[in-house]
Amino acid sequence: CTFRKSFESIARADASPQALRDLAWLQAQLPTEMGGCNIDTAFSRADSDFSMSLLKNWRTLVAHNPDFALDEGGASKYPAIAAAIATYESALSDSKEVCEKRTARDKNRSTTPSAAAT
């Protein structure tokens, strides 16, 4: 993605290991309240937007057509519904992964008192 390459160039991340660049890109897409840059691309949101819309209206869909209900194992026979559920679970997993990595990073940071405190 050209936008990501531009972001990496601005952040001077070109020489960083790929894993750190991937983490920085994930963090950049977070809202500013969560320490990100609030970078939002239509491409990155298309699947999640569809998934959230589907899941938000899930009860209504099942009420109108019980055939949409999941089987006992929590799976769907419809590929779009199965993909929406997988996208939702992946988004949750990505969010948890970023939070865990940031927590681990923050624990390892050494803090130094500011000059004003001394």
Foldseek 3Di string as FASTA:
>chain_A
DVVLVVVCVVVVVVPPDPVVSVLLVLQQCDDVVSVHVVDDDCVVCVLQVLLVVCVVCVVVVCVVPVLQDAPPVRAHPDPSNNSSVVVVVVVVVSVVVSVVVVVVVVVPDDDDDDPVVD
